[in-house]
Amino acid sequence: PIKRGKIFAQLKSLNSDIICLQETHLKLQAQARLKANWIGQTYHSSYISKSTRGTATIIRKGIPFKLKNTVADKEGRYVIVTGEIYSTPLTLINIYAPNF
């Protein structure tokens, strides 16, 4: 909780509208941990058998994002979110790939 709180404080201070996180290390049932009062929407992929990998796309509260579709990799390597902001189509692709 302390580490997550520090990370959320840093992310909030950036004042970004959309944030892409990799290596979230969260299982599917732990997605609720990606909530904060400034976060409006969260889209997450996770790997079921381990708490490694994982990606999350966070959209700040107040951003008028309208979701059309989400594709989350079962191995926690990517999440693809499609939708629109102010009637402008938008595709957000968040990928976690290991270093080789």
PDB file of N, CA and C in Angstrom:
ATOM      1  N   PRO A   1       0.802  -1.209   0.000  1.00  0.00           N
ATOM      2  CA  PRO A   1       0.000   0.000   0.000  1.00  0.00           C
ATOM      3  C   PRO A   1       0.845   1.273   0.000  1.00  0.00           C
ATOM      4  N   ILE A   2       1.994   1.281   0.700  1.00  0.00           N
ATOM      5  CA  ILE A   2       2.834   2.477   0.753  1.00  0.00           C
ATOM      6  C   ILE A   2       3.445   2.751  -0.614  1.00  0.00           C
ATOM      7  N   LYS A   3       3.987   1.707  -1.255  1.00  0.00           N
ATOM      8  CA  LYS A   3       4.601   1.879  -2.565  1.00  0.00           C
ATOM      9  C   LYS A   3       3.562   2.339  -3.589  1.00  0.00           C
ATOM     10  N   ARG A   4       2.387   1.699  -3.574  1.00  0.00           N
ATOM     11  CA  ARG A   4       1.318   2.076  -4.499  1.00  0.00           C
ATOM     12  C   ARG A   4       0.879   3.521  -4.256  1.00  0.00           C
ATOM     13  N   GLY A   5       0.783   3.921  -2.996  1.00  0.00           N
ATOM     14  CA  GLY A   5       0.413   5.295  -2.664  1.00  0.00           C
ATOM     15  C   GLY A   5       1.419   6.302  -3.196  1.00  0.00           C
ATOM     16  N   LYS A   6       2.700   5.989  -3.089  1.00  0.00           N
ATOM     17  CA  LYS A   6       3.743   6.886  -3.609  1.00  0.00           C
ATOM     18  C   LYS A   6       3.684   6.975  -5.126  1.00  0.00           C
ATOM     19  N   ILE A   7       3.446   5.830  -5.763  1.00  0.00           N
ATOM     20  CA  ILE A   7       3.343   5.829  -7.226  1.00  0.00           C
ATOM     21  C   ILE A   7       2.128   6.635  -7.671  1.00  0.00           C
ATOM     22  N   PHE A   8       0.986   6.435  -7.017  1.00  0.00           N
ATOM     23  CA  PHE A   8      -0.217   7.195  -7.367  1.00  0.00           C
ATOM     24  C   PHE A   8      -0.012   8.691  -7.140  1.00  0.00           C
ATOM     25  N   ALA A   9       0.666   9.064  -6.083  1.00  0.00           N
ATOM     26  CA  ALA A   9       0.941  10.482  -5.816  1.00  0.00           C
ATOM     27  C   ALA A   9       1.803  11.068  -6.937  1.00  0.00           C
ATOM     28  N   GLN A  10       2.805  10.310  -7.377  1.00  0.00           N
ATOM     29  CA  GLN A  10       3.672  10.772  -8.478  1.00  0.00           C
ATOM     30  C   GLN A  10       2.873  10.884  -9.771  1.00  0.00           C
ATOM     31  N   LEU A  11       2.052   9.879 -10.065  1.00  0.00           N
ATOM     32  CA  LEU A  11       1.244   9.915 -11.287  1.00  0.00           C
ATOM     33  C   LEU A  11       0.269  11.088 -11.272  1.00  0.00           C
ATOM     34  N   LYS A  12      -0.361  11.330 -10.134  1.00  0.00           N
ATOM     35  CA  LYS A  12      -1.299  12.455 -10.021  1.00  0.00           C
ATOM     36  C   LYS A  12      -0.585  13.778 -10.244  1.00  0.00           C
ATOM     37  N   SER A  13       0.645  13.911  -9.724  1.00  0.00           N
ATOM     38  CA  SER A  13       1.389  15.162  -9.870  1.00  0.00           C
ATOM     39  C   SER A  13       1.764  15.443 -11.322  1.00  0.00           C
ATOM     40  N   LEU A  14       1.823  14.407 -12.150  1.00  0.00           N
ATOM     41  CA  LEU A  14       2.125  14.594 -13.574  1.00  0.00           C
ATOM     42  C   LEU A  14       0.964  15.256 -14.313  1.00  0.00           C
ATOM     43  N   ASN A  15      -0.232  15.173 -13.727  1.00  0.00           N
ATOM     44  CA  ASN A  15      -1.438  15.768 -14.312  1.00  0.00           C
ATOM     45  C   ASN A  15      -1.715  15.253 -15.730  1.00  0.00           C
ATOM     46  N   SER A  16      -1.414  13.984 -15.967  1.00  0.00           N
ATOM     47  CA  SER A  16      -1.647  13.365 -17.273  1.00  0.00           C
ATOM     48  C   SER A  16      -3.106  12.951 -17.393  1.00  0.00           C
ATOM     49  N   ASP A  17      -3.609  13.000 -18.609  1.00  0.00           N
ATOM     50  CA  ASP A  17      -4.982  12.584 -18.846  1.00  0.00           C
ATOM     51  C   ASP A  17      -5.088  11.070 -19.039  1.00  0.00           C
ATOM     52  N   ILE A  18      -4.068  10.485 -19.697  1.00  0.00           N
ATOM     53  CA  ILE A  18      -4.036   9.048 -19.941  1.00  0.00           C
ATOM     54  C   ILE A  18      -2.666   8.533 -19.532  1.00  0.00           C
ATOM     55  N   ILE A  19      -2.657   7.447 -18.758  1.00  0.00           N
ATOM     56  CA  ILE A  19      -1.409   6.872 -18.248  1.00  0.00           C
ATOM     57  C   ILE A  19      -1.378   5.393 -18.606  1.00  0.00           C
ATOM     58  N   CYS A  20      -0.255   4.931 -19.127  1.00  0.00           N
ATOM     59  CA  CYS A  20      -0.057   3.513 -19.434  1.00  0.00           C
ATOM     60  C   CYS A  20       0.998   2.955 -18.487  1.00  0.00           C
ATOM     61  N   LEU A  21       0.617   1.907 -17.752  1.00  0.00           N
ATOM     62  CA  LEU A  21       1.531   1.254 -16.818  1.00  0.00           C
ATOM     63  C   LEU A  21       1.837  -0.159 -17.306  1.00  0.00           C
ATOM     64  N   GLN A  22       3.072  -0.593 -17.109  1.00  0.00           N
ATOM     65  CA  GLN A  22       3.465  -1.960 -17.415  1.00  0.00           C
ATOM     66  C   GLN A  22       4.037  -2.591 -16.148  1.00  0.00           C
ATOM     67  N   GLU A  23       4.077  -3.909 -16.156  1.00  0.00           N
ATOM     68  CA  GLU A  23       4.555  -4.680 -14.997  1.00  0.00           C
ATOM     69  C   GLU A  23       3.769  -4.323 -13.735  1.00  0.00           C
ATOM     70  N   THR A  24       2.462  -4.347 -13.850  1.00  0.00           N
ATOM     71  CA  THR A  24       1.624  -4.002 -12.697  1.00  0.00           C
ATOM     72  C   THR A  24       1.643  -5.089 -11.621  1.00  0.00           C
ATOM     73  N   HIS A  25       1.974  -6.309 -11.996  1.00  0.00           N
ATOM     74  CA  HIS A  25       2.077  -7.436 -11.055  1.00  0.00           C
ATOM     75  C   HIS A  25       0.779  -7.658 -10.269  1.00  0.00           C
ATOM     76  N   LEU A  26      -0.352  -7.373 -10.902  1.00  0.00           N
ATOM     77  CA  LEU A  26      -1.642  -7.569 -10.234  1.00  0.00           C
ATOM     78  C   LEU A  26      -2.404  -8.705 -10.893  1.00  0.00           C
ATOM     79  N   LYS A  27      -3.003  -9.539 -10.082  1.00  0.00           N
ATOM     80  CA  LYS A  27      -3.897 -10.553 -10.610  1.00  0.00           C
ATOM     81  C   LYS A  27      -5.239  -9.891 -10.908  1.00  0.00           C
ATOM     82  N   LEU A  28      -6.069 -10.563 -11.679  1.00  0.00           N
ATOM     83  CA  LEU A  28      -7.334  -9.988 -12.134  1.00  0.00           C
ATOM     84  C   LEU A  28      -8.204  -9.493 -10.985  1.00  0.00           C
ATOM     85  N   GLN A  29      -8.306 -10.256  -9.912  1.00  0.00           N
ATOM     86  CA  GLN A  29      -9.158  -9.859  -8.802  1.00  0.00           C
ATOM     87  C   GLN A  29      -8.598  -8.669  -8.026  1.00  0.00           C
ATOM     88  N   ALA A  30      -7.355  -8.291  -8.263  1.00  0.00           N
ATOM     89  CA  ALA A  30      -6.731  -7.164  -7.559  1.00  0.00           C
ATOM     90  C   ALA A  30      -6.826  -5.860  -8.349  1.00  0.00           C
ATOM     91  N   GLN A  31      -7.566  -5.862  -9.443  1.00  0.00           N
ATOM     92  CA  GLN A  31      -7.690  -4.668 -10.281  1.00  0.00           C
ATOM     93  C   GLN A  31      -8.260  -3.484  -9.506  1.00  0.00           C
ATOM     94  N   ALA A  32      -9.035  -3.731  -8.491  1.00  0.00           N
ATOM     95  CA  ALA A  32      -9.617  -2.658  -7.680  1.00  0.00           C
ATOM     96  C   ALA A  32      -8.538  -1.810  -7.010  1.00  0.00           C
ATOM     97  N   ARG A  33      -7.335  -2.333  -6.898  1.00  0.00           N
ATOM     98  CA  ARG A  33      -6.233  -1.569  -6.293  1.00  0.00           C
ATOM     99  C   ARG A  33      -5.792  -0.406  -7.176  1.00  0.00           C
ATOM    100  N   LEU A  34      -6.264  -0.379  -8.410  1.00  0.00           N
ATOM    101  CA  LEU A  34      -5.910   0.710  -9.327  1.00  0.00           C
ATOM    102  C   LEU A  34      -6.915   1.851  -9.263  1.00  0.00           C
ATOM    103  N   LYS A  35      -7.558   2.006  -8.145  1.00  0.00           N
ATOM    104  CA  LYS A  35      -8.541   3.081  -7.975  1.00  0.00           C
ATOM    105  C   LYS A  35      -7.973   4.190  -7.091  1.00  0.00           C
ATOM    106  N   ALA A  36      -8.318   5.409  -7.438  1.00  0.00           N
ATOM    107  CA  ALA A  36      -7.978   6.593  -6.645  1.00  0.00           C
ATOM    108  C   ALA A  36      -9.021   7.652  -6.995  1.00  0.00           C
ATOM    109  N   ASN A  37      -9.119   8.686  -6.189  1.00  0.00           N
ATOM    110  CA  ASN A  37     -10.177   9.683  -6.405  1.00  0.00           C
ATOM    111  C   ASN A  37     -10.012  10.477  -7.702  1.00  0.00           C
ATOM    112  N   TRP A  38      -8.819  10.512  -8.280  1.00  0.00           N
ATOM    113  CA  TRP A  38      -8.582  11.249  -9.524  1.00  0.00           C
ATOM    114  C   TRP A  38      -8.668  10.358 -10.760  1.00  0.00           C
ATOM    115  N   ILE A  39      -8.845   9.052 -10.564  1.00  0.00           N
ATOM    116  CA  ILE A  39      -8.910   8.104 -11.678  1.00  0.00           C
ATOM    117  C   ILE A  39     -10.367   7.880 -12.062  1.00  0.00           C
ATOM    118  N   GLY A  40     -10.642   8.028 -13.363  1.00  0.00           N
ATOM    119  CA  GLY A  40     -11.992   7.833 -13.847  1.00  0.00           C
ATOM    120  C   GLY A  40     -12.234   6.426 -14.357  1.00  0.00           C
ATOM    121  N   GLN A  41     -11.345   5.943 -15.245  1.00  0.00           N
ATOM    122  CA  GLN A  41     -11.517   4.630 -15.853  1.00  0.00           C
ATOM    123  C   GLN A  41     -10.182   3.888 -15.838  1.00  0.00           C
ATOM    124  N   THR A  42     -10.262   2.562 -15.688  1.00  0.00           N
ATOM    125  CA  THR A  42      -9.068   1.721 -15.688  1.00  0.00           C
ATOM    126  C   THR A  42      -9.330   0.489 -16.530  1.00  0.00           C
ATOM    127  N   TYR A  43      -8.360   0.147 -17.387  1.00  0.00           N
ATOM    128  CA  TYR A  43      -8.435  -1.055 -18.207  1.00  0.00           C
ATOM    129  C   TYR A  43      -7.151  -1.830 -17.956  1.00  0.00           C
ATOM    130  N   HIS A  44      -7.279  -3.142 -17.680  1.00  0.00           N
ATOM    131  CA  HIS A  44      -6.152  -3.902 -17.152  1.00  0.00           C
ATOM    132  C   HIS A  44      -6.074  -5.282 -17.789  1.00  0.00           C
ATOM    133  N   SER A  45      -4.857  -5.764 -18.003  1.00  0.00           N
ATOM    134  CA  SER A  45      -4.643  -7.163 -18.373  1.00  0.00           C
ATOM    135  C   SER A  45      -3.725  -7.772 -17.330  1.00  0.00           C
ATOM    136  N   SER A  46      -3.947  -9.042 -17.008  1.00  0.00           N
ATOM    137  CA  SER A  46      -3.109  -9.700 -16.015  1.00  0.00           C
ATOM    138  C   SER A  46      -2.901 -11.153 -16.401  1.00  0.00           C
ATOM    139  N   TYR A  47      -1.912 -11.758 -15.777  1.00  0.00           N
ATOM    140  CA  TYR A  47      -1.581 -13.147 -16.021  1.00  0.00           C
ATOM    141  C   TYR A  47      -2.071 -13.960 -14.837  1.00  0.00           C
ATOM    142  N   ILE A  48      -2.895 -14.941 -15.078  1.00  0.00           N
ATOM    143  CA  ILE A  48      -3.604 -15.650 -14.019  1.00  0.00           C
ATOM    144  C   ILE A  48      -2.686 -16.449 -13.097  1.00  0.00           C
ATOM    145  N   SER A  49      -1.708 -17.158 -13.634  1.00  0.00           N
ATOM    146  CA  SER A  49      -0.954 -18.087 -12.792  1.00  0.00           C
ATOM    147  C   SER A  49       0.170 -17.447 -11.983  1.00  0.00           C
ATOM    148  N   LYS A  50       0.558 -16.243 -12.312  1.00  0.00           N
ATOM    149  CA  LYS A  50       1.618 -15.557 -11.569  1.00  0.00           C
ATOM    150  C   LYS A  50       1.203 -14.112 -11.337  1.00  0.00           C
ATOM    151  N   SER A  51       1.866 -13.455 -10.403  1.00  0.00           N
ATOM    152  CA  SER A  51       1.575 -12.034 -10.190  1.00  0.00           C
ATOM    153  C   SER A  51       2.570 -11.160 -10.949  1.00  0.00           C
ATOM    154  N   THR A  52       3.200 -11.715 -11.971  1.00  0.00           N
ATOM    155  CA  THR A  52       4.114 -10.944 -12.798  1.00  0.00           C
ATOM    156  C   THR A  52       3.375 -10.457 -14.032  1.00  0.00           C
ATOM    157  N   ARG A  53       4.044  -9.649 -14.778  1.00  0.00           N
ATOM    158  CA  ARG A  53       3.494  -9.057 -16.003  1.00  0.00           C
ATOM    159  C   ARG A  53       2.358  -8.094 -15.670  1.00  0.00           C
ATOM    160  N   GLY A  54       1.515  -7.855 -16.641  1.00  0.00           N
ATOM    161  CA  GLY A  54       0.353  -6.998 -16.426  1.00  0.00           C
ATOM    162  C   GLY A  54       0.538  -5.597 -16.974  1.00  0.00           C
ATOM    163  N   THR A  55      -0.535  -5.087 -17.568  1.00  0.00           N
ATOM    164  CA  THR A  55      -0.564  -3.721 -18.067  1.00  0.00           C
ATOM    165  C   THR A  55      -1.848  -3.057 -17.584  1.00  0.00           C
ATOM    166  N   ALA A  56      -1.806  -1.750 -17.472  1.00  0.00           N
ATOM    167  CA  ALA A  56      -2.995  -0.998 -17.079  1.00  0.00           C
ATOM    168  C   ALA A  56      -3.002   0.337 -17.809  1.00  0.00           C
ATOM    169  N   THR A  57      -4.146   0.698 -18.315  1.00  0.00           N
ATOM    170  CA  THR A  57      -4.347   2.008 -18.920  1.00  0.00           C
ATOM    171  C   THR A  57      -5.320   2.753 -18.020  1.00  0.00           C
ATOM    172  N   ILE A  58      -4.897   3.924 -17.563  1.00  0.00           N
ATOM    173  CA  ILE A  58      -5.672   4.721 -16.617  1.00  0.00           C
ATOM    174  C   ILE A  58      -6.078   6.021 -17.287  1.00  0.00           C
ATOM    175  N   ILE A  59      -7.350   6.360 -17.185  1.00  0.00           N
ATOM    176  CA  ILE A  59      -7.859   7.616 -17.749  1.00  0.00           C
ATOM    177  C   ILE A  59      -8.347   8.482 -16.598  1.00  0.00           C
ATOM    178  N   ARG A  60      -7.848   9.703 -16.571  1.00  0.00           N
ATOM    179  CA  ARG A  60      -8.171  10.635 -15.487  1.00  0.00           C
ATOM    180  C   ARG A  60      -9.662  10.947 -15.458  1.00  0.00           C
ATOM    181  N   LYS A  61     -10.173  11.131 -14.261  1.00  0.00           N
ATOM    182  CA  LYS A  61     -11.572  11.514 -14.064  1.00  0.00           C
ATOM    183  C   LYS A  61     -11.819  12.851 -14.773  1.00  0.00           C
ATOM    184  N   GLY A  62     -12.944  12.966 -15.427  1.00  0.00           N
ATOM    185  CA  GLY A  62     -13.279  14.202 -16.136  1.00  0.00           C
ATOM    186  C   GLY A  62     -12.960  14.162 -17.618  1.00  0.00           C
ATOM    187  N   ILE A  63     -12.201  13.166 -18.056  1.00  0.00           N
ATOM    188  CA  ILE A  63     -11.920  13.013 -19.485  1.00  0.00           C
ATOM    189  C   ILE A  63     -13.119  12.285 -20.092  1.00  0.00           C
ATOM    190  N   PRO A  64     -13.760  12.868 -21.113  1.00  0.00           N
ATOM    191  CA  PRO A  64     -14.989  12.285 -21.650  1.00  0.00           C
ATOM    192  C   PRO A  64     -14.735  11.116 -22.605  1.00  0.00           C
ATOM    193  N   PHE A  65     -14.039  10.105 -22.125  1.00  0.00           N
ATOM    194  CA  PHE A  65     -13.733   8.930 -22.940  1.00  0.00           C
ATOM    195  C   PHE A  65     -14.940   8.004 -22.968  1.00  0.00           C
ATOM    196  N   LYS A  66     -15.373   7.632 -24.178  1.00  0.00           N
ATOM    197  CA  LYS A  66     -16.481   6.695 -24.349  1.00  0.00           C
ATOM    198  C   LYS A  66     -15.924   5.390 -24.902  1.00  0.00           C
ATOM    199  N   LEU A  67     -15.984   4.353 -24.117  1.00  0.00           N
ATOM    200  CA  LEU A  67     -15.438   3.052 -24.474  1.00  0.00           C
ATOM    201  C   LEU A  67     -16.262   2.373 -25.553  1.00  0.00           C
ATOM    202  N   LYS A  68     -15.553   1.801 -26.541  1.00  0.00           N
ATOM    203  CA  LYS A  68     -16.204   0.978 -27.557  1.00  0.00           C
ATOM    204  C   LYS A  68     -15.835  -0.488 -27.368  1.00  0.00           C
ATOM    205  N   ASN A  69     -14.544  -0.761 -27.116  1.00  0.00           N
ATOM    206  CA  ASN A  69     -14.099  -2.152 -27.004  1.00  0.00           C
ATOM    207  C   ASN A  69     -12.788  -2.230 -26.235  1.00  0.00           C
ATOM    208  N   THR A  70     -12.587  -3.357 -25.580  1.00  0.00           N
ATOM    209  CA  THR A  70     -11.342  -3.632 -24.878  1.00  0.00           C
ATOM    210  C   THR A  70     -10.891  -5.043 -25.222  1.00  0.00           C
ATOM    211  N   VAL A  71      -9.608  -5.189 -25.520  1.00  0.00           N
ATOM    212  CA  VAL A  71      -9.008  -6.502 -25.744  1.00  0.00           C
ATOM    213  C   VAL A  71      -7.849  -6.619 -24.772  1.00  0.00           C
ATOM    214  N   ALA A  72      -7.931  -7.594 -23.858  1.00  0.00           N
ATOM    215  CA  ALA A  72      -6.878  -7.798 -22.869  1.00  0.00           C
ATOM    216  C   ALA A  72      -6.234  -9.159 -23.094  1.00  0.00           C
ATOM    217  N   ASP A  73      -4.925  -9.191 -23.171  1.00  0.00           N
ATOM    218  CA  ASP A  73      -4.178 -10.421 -23.363  1.00  0.00           C
ATOM    219  C   ASP A  73      -4.274 -11.290 -22.111  1.00  0.00           C
ATOM    220  N   LYS A  74      -4.541 -12.566 -22.285  1.00  0.00           N
ATOM    221  CA  LYS A  74      -4.663 -13.489 -21.151  1.00  0.00           C
ATOM    222  C   LYS A  74      -3.330 -13.722 -20.451  1.00  0.00           C
ATOM    223  N   GLU A  75      -2.228 -13.377 -21.112  1.00  0.00           N
ATOM    224  CA  GLU A  75      -0.905 -13.528 -20.504  1.00  0.00           C
ATOM    225  C   GLU A  75      -0.382 -12.213 -19.929  1.00  0.00           C
ATOM    226  N   GLY A  76      -1.212 -11.199 -19.912  1.00  0.00           N
ATOM    227  CA  GLY A  76      -0.842  -9.934 -19.286  1.00  0.00           C
ATOM    228  C   GLY A  76       0.148  -9.099 -20.066  1.00  0.00           C
ATOM    229  N   ARG A  77       0.276  -9.339 -21.354  1.00  0.00           N
ATOM    230  CA  ARG A  77       1.264  -8.619 -22.167  1.00  0.00           C
ATOM    231  C   ARG A  77       0.731  -7.331 -22.789  1.00  0.00           C
ATOM    232  N   TYR A  78      -0.560  -7.215 -22.980  1.00  0.00           N
ATOM    233  CA  TYR A  78      -1.095  -5.992 -23.592  1.00  0.00           C
ATOM    234  C   TYR A  78      -2.567  -5.802 -23.243  1.00  0.00           C
ATOM    235  N   VAL A  79      -2.987  -4.567 -23.396  1.00  0.00           N
ATOM    236  CA  VAL A  79      -4.411  -4.228 -23.352  1.00  0.00           C
ATOM    237  C   VAL A  79      -4.638  -3.181 -24.448  1.00  0.00           C
ATOM    238  N   ILE A  80      -5.669  -3.413 -25.250  1.00  0.00           N
ATOM    239  CA  ILE A  80      -6.026  -2.502 -26.338  1.00  0.00           C
ATOM    240  C   ILE A  80      -7.403  -1.935 -26.014  1.00  0.00           C
ATOM    241  N   VAL A  81      -7.499  -0.629 -25.996  1.00  0.00           N
ATOM    242  CA  VAL A  81      -8.743   0.050 -25.645  1.00  0.00           C
ATOM    243  C   VAL A  81      -9.129   0.954 -26.811  1.00  0.00           C
ATOM    244  N   THR A  82     -10.342   0.783 -27.324  1.00  0.00           N
ATOM    245  CA  THR A  82     -10.828   1.663 -28.383  1.00  0.00           C
ATOM    246  C   THR A  82     -12.047   2.423 -27.887  1.00  0.00           C
ATOM    247  N   GLY A  83     -12.147   3.631 -28.360  1.00  0.00           N
ATOM    248  CA  GLY A  83     -13.265   4.474 -27.968  1.00  0.00           C
ATOM    249  C   GLY A  83     -13.157   5.823 -28.641  1.00  0.00           C
ATOM    250  N   GLU A  84     -13.700   6.830 -27.977  1.00  0.00           N
ATOM    251  CA  GLU A  84     -13.618   8.178 -28.545  1.00  0.00           C
ATOM    252  C   GLU A  84     -13.628   9.227 -27.443  1.00  0.00           C
ATOM    253  N   ILE A  85     -13.002  10.343 -27.774  1.00  0.00           N
ATOM    254  CA  ILE A  85     -13.022  11.530 -26.922  1.00  0.00           C
ATOM    255  C   ILE A  85     -13.498  12.682 -27.800  1.00  0.00           C
ATOM    256  N   TYR A  86     -14.557  13.333 -27.399  1.00  0.00           N
ATOM    257  CA  TYR A  86     -15.151  14.429 -28.183  1.00  0.00           C
ATOM    258  C   TYR A  86     -15.391  13.995 -29.625  1.00  0.00           C
ATOM    259  N   SER A  87     -15.964  12.818 -29.811  1.00  0.00           N
ATOM    260  CA  SER A  87     -16.309  12.252 -31.123  1.00  0.00           C
ATOM    261  C   SER A  87     -15.102  11.943 -32.000  1.00  0.00           C
ATOM    262  N   THR A  88     -13.898  11.999 -31.451  1.00  0.00           N
ATOM    263  CA  THR A  88     -12.687  11.653 -32.190  1.00  0.00           C
ATOM    264  C   THR A  88     -12.296  10.217 -31.834  1.00  0.00           C
ATOM    265  N   PRO A  89     -12.244   9.316 -32.835  1.00  0.00           N
ATOM    266  CA  PRO A  89     -11.871   7.928 -32.555  1.00  0.00           C
ATOM    267  C   PRO A  89     -10.460   7.841 -31.966  1.00  0.00           C
ATOM    268  N   LEU A  90     -10.299   6.901 -31.050  1.00  0.00           N
ATOM    269  CA  LEU A  90      -9.025   6.764 -30.346  1.00  0.00           C
ATOM    270  C   LEU A  90      -8.770   5.290 -30.060  1.00  0.00           C
ATOM    271  N   THR A  91      -7.553   4.835 -30.333  1.00  0.00           N
ATOM    272  CA  THR A  91      -7.132   3.486 -29.969  1.00  0.00           C
ATOM    273  C   THR A  91      -5.899   3.611 -29.096  1.00  0.00           C
ATOM    274  N   LEU A  92      -5.972   3.058 -27.897  1.00  0.00           N
ATOM    275  CA  LEU A  92      -4.861   3.068 -26.952  1.00  0.00           C
ATOM    276  C   LEU A  92      -4.316   1.647 -26.866  1.00  0.00           C
ATOM    277  N   ILE A  93      -3.033   1.484 -27.164  1.00  0.00           N
ATOM    278  CA  ILE A  93      -2.399   0.170 -27.104  1.00  0.00           C
ATOM    279  C   ILE A  93      -1.284   0.240 -26.070  1.00  0.00           C
ATOM    280  N   ASN A  94      -1.403  -0.573 -25.048  1.00  0.00           N
ATOM    281  CA  ASN A  94      -0.442  -0.596 -23.947  1.00  0.00           C
ATOM    282  C   ASN A  94       0.206  -1.986 -23.943  1.00  0.00           C
ATOM    283  N   ILE A  95       1.528  -2.042 -24.204  1.00  0.00           N
ATOM    284  CA  ILE A  95       2.235  -3.312 -24.368  1.00  0.00           C
ATOM    285  C   ILE A  95       3.334  -3.439 -23.325  1.00  0.00           C
ATOM    286  N   TYR A  96       3.424  -4.622 -22.733  1.00  0.00           N
ATOM    287  CA  TYR A  96       4.556  -4.968 -21.886  1.00  0.00           C
ATOM    288  C   TYR A  96       5.321  -6.088 -22.569  1.00  0.00           C
ATOM    289  N   ALA A  97       6.551  -5.808 -22.957  1.00  0.00           N
ATOM    290  CA  ALA A  97       7.397  -6.812 -23.592  1.00  0.00           C
ATOM    291  C   ALA A  97       8.702  -6.889 -22.819  1.00  0.00           C
ATOM    292  N   PRO A  98       9.166  -8.082 -22.523  1.00  0.00           N
ATOM    293  CA  PRO A  98      10.414  -8.219 -21.766  1.00  0.00           C
ATOM    294  C   PRO A  98      11.623  -7.781 -22.588  1.00  0.00           C
ATOM    295  N   ASN A  99      12.677  -7.413 -21.909  1.00  0.00           N
ATOM    296  CA  ASN A  99      13.929  -7.094 -22.583  1.00  0.00           C
ATOM    297  C   ASN A  99      14.602  -8.389 -23.016  1.00  0.00           C
ATOM    298  N   PHE A 100      15.144  -8.389 -24.197  1.00  0.00           N
ATOM    299  CA  PHE A 100      15.877  -9.566 -24.673  1.00  0.00           C
ATOM    300  C   PHE A 100      17.337  -9.253 -24.810  1.00  0.00           C
TER     301      PHE A 100
END
